């Protein structure tokens, strides 16, 4: 009789452990953003987000601090966002050119997770993104820099080709 009770307790404990492990795996998978397909095609860390039913492709760029959206992408019909004050901030590009800009706060959704993100609107990105589309066949809409990755606790994993939330 004691043996049956011990076996029953072991089975219940094992079931609880398995349930806990399964839950942790589900949470980890839900908090991953894959850039595998884009990376395999273009060798770029691109993640597709959604906003109000519209697909937006963003380059995860650790060489950039801020987050940007091209002028044409900011005008996509149906996007949901609000303009925010930039307090006269100028954005400096990689070749040292400087431009004042507008900014928006936009919710970007990946799977079941939504990330509120501030994006500078930059017209020069349109030409750069046009060149990338011609060379790689991928339409980019913006760039998410290290401040986005830090704010949302993401780490880039190039072994698995995912961005995952750090504990």
Protein backbone atom coordinates (compact mmCIF):
# COMPACT_ATOMS: atom_id res chain seq x y z
CA UNK A 1 0.00 0.00 0.00
CA UNK A 2 2.83 2.41 0.92
CA UNK A 3 4.60 1.49 -2.31
CA UNK A 4 1.48 2.39 -4.36
CA UNK A 5 1.27 5.79 -2.61
CA UNK A 6 4.97 6.46 -3.26
CA UNK A 7 4.63 5.49 -6.93
CA UNK A 8 1.54 7.73 -7.24
CA UNK A 9 3.42 10.64 -5.67
CA UNK A 10 6.37 10.09 -8.02
CA UNK A 11 4.05 10.07 -11.03
CA UNK A 12 2.37 13.30 -9.88
CA UNK A 13 5.76 14.95 -9.27
CA UNK A 14 7.04 13.84 -12.67
CA UNK A 15 3.88 15.19 -14.35
CA UNK A 16 4.32 18.55 -12.59
CA UNK A 17 7.96 18.75 -13.64
CA UNK A 18 7.10 17.95 -17.26
CA UNK A 19 4.29 20.54 -17.23
CA UNK A 20 6.70 23.15 -15.86
CA UNK A 21 9.29 22.37 -18.54
CA UNK A 22 6.67 22.52 -21.30
CA UNK A 23 5.45 25.91 -20.01
CA UNK A 24 9.01 27.29 -19.97
CA UNK A 25 9.62 26.08 -23.52
CA UNK A 26 6.35 27.68 -24.70
CA UNK A 27 7.29 30.99 -23.04
CA UNK A 28 10.79 30.89 -24.55
CA UNK A 29 9.41 30.13 -28.03
CA UNK A 30 6.78 32.88 -27.74
CA UNK A 31 9.54 35.38 -26.87
CA UNK A 32 11.74 34.57 -29.87
CA UNK A 33 11.85 36.52 -33.12
CA UNK A 34 13.29 34.49 -35.95
CA UNK A 35 15.41 36.10 -38.65
CA UNK A 36 16.51 32.73 -40.05
CA UNK A 37 14.64 32.83 -43.37
CA UNK A 38 15.73 36.37 -44.22
CA UNK A 39 19.30 35.70 -43.05
CA UNK A 40 19.55 32.56 -45.17
CA UNK A 41 18.37 34.54 -48.22
CA UNK A 42 20.05 37.89 -47.68
CA UNK A 43 22.55 37.49 -44.82
CA UNK A 44 20.67 40.32 -43.07
CA UNK A 45 18.93 40.21 -39.67
CA UNK A 46 15.40 41.09 -40.83
CA UNK A 47 12.25 40.54 -38.79
CA UNK A 48 8.71 41.06 -40.09
CA UNK A 49 6.36 42.86 -37.73
CA UNK A 50 2.71 43.82 -38.16
CA UNK A 51 0.91 47.07 -37.48
CA UNK A 52 -2.83 47.27 -38.07
CA UNK A 53 -2.63 44.36 -40.55
CA UNK A 54 0.31 45.85 -42.49
CA UNK A 55 3.58 43.91 -42.81
CA UNK A 56 6.72 45.88 -41.97
CA UNK A 57 10.24 44.48 -42.43
CA UNK A 58 12.83 45.84 -40.00
CA UNK A 59 16.57 45.30 -40.00
CA UNK A 60 17.90 44.50 -36.51
CA UNK A 61 21.03 46.64 -36.53
CA UNK A 62 23.48 46.56 -33.62
CA UNK A 63 25.51 49.27 -35.37
CA UNK A 64 22.71 51.77 -34.87
CA UNK A 65 21.53 53.18 -31.56
CA UNK A 66 18.13 54.47 -32.59
CA UNK A 67 15.21 53.10 -34.59
CA UNK A 68 14.13 54.48 -37.97
CA UNK A 69 11.39 54.14 -40.54
CA UNK A 70 11.62 55.32 -44.13
CA UNK A 71 9.50 58.29 -45.16
CA UNK A 72 7.53 56.19 -47.67
CA UNK A 73 6.91 53.42 -45.11
CA UNK A 74 5.57 55.96 -42.61
CA UNK A 75 2.94 56.86 -45.21
CA UNK A 76 1.66 53.30 -45.78
CA UNK A 77 -2.10 53.50 -45.72
CA UNK A 78 -3.65 52.02 -42.60
CA UNK A 79 -0.66 52.22 -40.25
CA UNK A 80 -1.56 53.07 -36.67
CA UNK A 81 0.85 55.42 -34.87
CA UNK A 82 1.14 58.81 -33.22
CA UNK A 83 3.57 61.63 -33.89
CA UNK A 84 5.87 62.44 -30.99
CA UNK A 85 8.08 65.42 -30.25
CA UNK A 86 11.75 65.18 -31.17
CA UNK A 87 12.62 68.46 -29.41
CA UNK A 88 14.68 69.55 -32.41
CA UNK A 89 16.85 66.42 -32.44
CA UNK A 90 19.00 66.04 -35.52
CA UNK A 91 19.90 62.60 -36.83
CA UNK A 92 23.45 62.02 -38.07
CA UNK A 93 24.00 59.40 -40.76
CA UNK A 94 26.93 57.07 -41.33
CA UNK A 95 28.65 59.56 -43.65
CA UNK A 96 28.20 62.43 -41.20
CA UNK A 97 25.24 64.11 -42.87
CA UNK A 98 22.76 65.64 -40.46
CA UNK A 99 19.00 66.07 -40.81
CA UNK A 100 16.19 67.18 -38.58
CA UNK A 101 13.36 64.72 -38.54
CA UNK A 102 9.94 63.79 -37.29
CA UNK A 103 9.30 60.81 -35.06
CA UNK A 104 6.43 58.44 -34.43
CA UNK A 105 5.48 56.04 -31.66
CA UNK A 106 4.19 52.84 -33.23
CA UNK A 107 3.11 49.45 -31.88
CA UNK A 108 4.91 46.64 -33.73
CA UNK A 109 3.54 43.13 -33.30
CA UNK A 110 5.46 39.88 -33.72
CA UNK A 111 3.43 36.76 -33.02
CA UNK A 112 1.42 37.57 -29.87
CA UNK A 113 3.81 40.23 -28.57
CA UNK A 114 3.49 43.97 -29.22
CA UNK A 115 6.41 46.35 -28.78
CA UNK A 116 5.82 50.09 -28.51
CA UNK A 117 8.63 51.69 -30.49
CA UNK A 118 9.73 55.24 -31.22
CA UNK A 119 10.96 55.63 -34.79
CA UNK A 120 12.65 58.58 -36.47
CA UNK A 121 11.25 59.16 -39.98
CA UNK A 122 14.14 59.42 -42.45
CA UNK A 123 13.65 60.17 -46.13
CA UNK A 124 17.20 59.08 -47.14
CA UNK A 125 16.31 55.50 -46.14
CA UNK A 126 13.98 55.25 -49.14
CA UNK A 127 16.92 55.29 -51.57
CA UNK A 128 18.97 52.86 -49.44
CA UNK A 129 16.05 50.46 -49.08
CA UNK A 130 15.39 50.67 -52.84
CA UNK A 131 18.98 49.54 -53.48
CA UNK A 132 18.60 46.66 -51.00
CA UNK A 133 15.37 45.56 -52.69
CA UNK A 134 17.04 45.60 -56.11
CA UNK A 135 20.04 43.63 -54.82
CA UNK A 136 18.28 41.15 -52.50
CA UNK A 137 14.58 41.25 -53.37
CA UNK A 138 13.62 42.28 -49.82
CA UNK A 139 11.64 45.44 -49.09
CA UNK A 140 12.86 47.02 -45.86
CA UNK A 141 10.71 49.55 -44.04
CA UNK A 142 12.96 50.46 -41.13
CA UNK A 143 15.85 49.79 -38.79
CA UNK A 144 15.70 48.78 -35.13
CA UNK A 145 18.90 49.64 -33.28
CA UNK A 146 20.40 48.71 -29.95
CA UNK A 147 18.06 50.92 -27.91
CA UNK A 148 15.10 48.83 -29.16
CA UNK A 149 16.95 45.60 -28.33
CA UNK A 150 17.87 46.88 -24.85
CA UNK A 151 14.41 48.30 -24.08
CA UNK A 152 12.77 44.97 -24.87
CA UNK A 153 15.62 42.80 -23.45
CA UNK A 154 16.51 41.09 -26.73
CA UNK A 155 19.72 39.24 -27.44
CA UNK A 156 20.74 38.25 -30.98
CA UNK A 157 21.68 34.58 -31.28
CA UNK A 158 23.48 33.88 -34.56
CA UNK A 159 23.71 30.14 -33.87
CA UNK A 160 19.91 29.78 -33.90
CA UNK A 161 19.31 32.94 -36.00
CA UNK A 162 16.81 34.36 -33.53
CA UNK A 163 16.43 37.34 -31.24
CA UNK A 164 15.24 36.14 -27.87
CA UNK A 165 14.19 37.87 -24.67
CA UNK A 166 16.84 37.74 -21.99
CA UNK A 167 15.64 36.94 -18.47
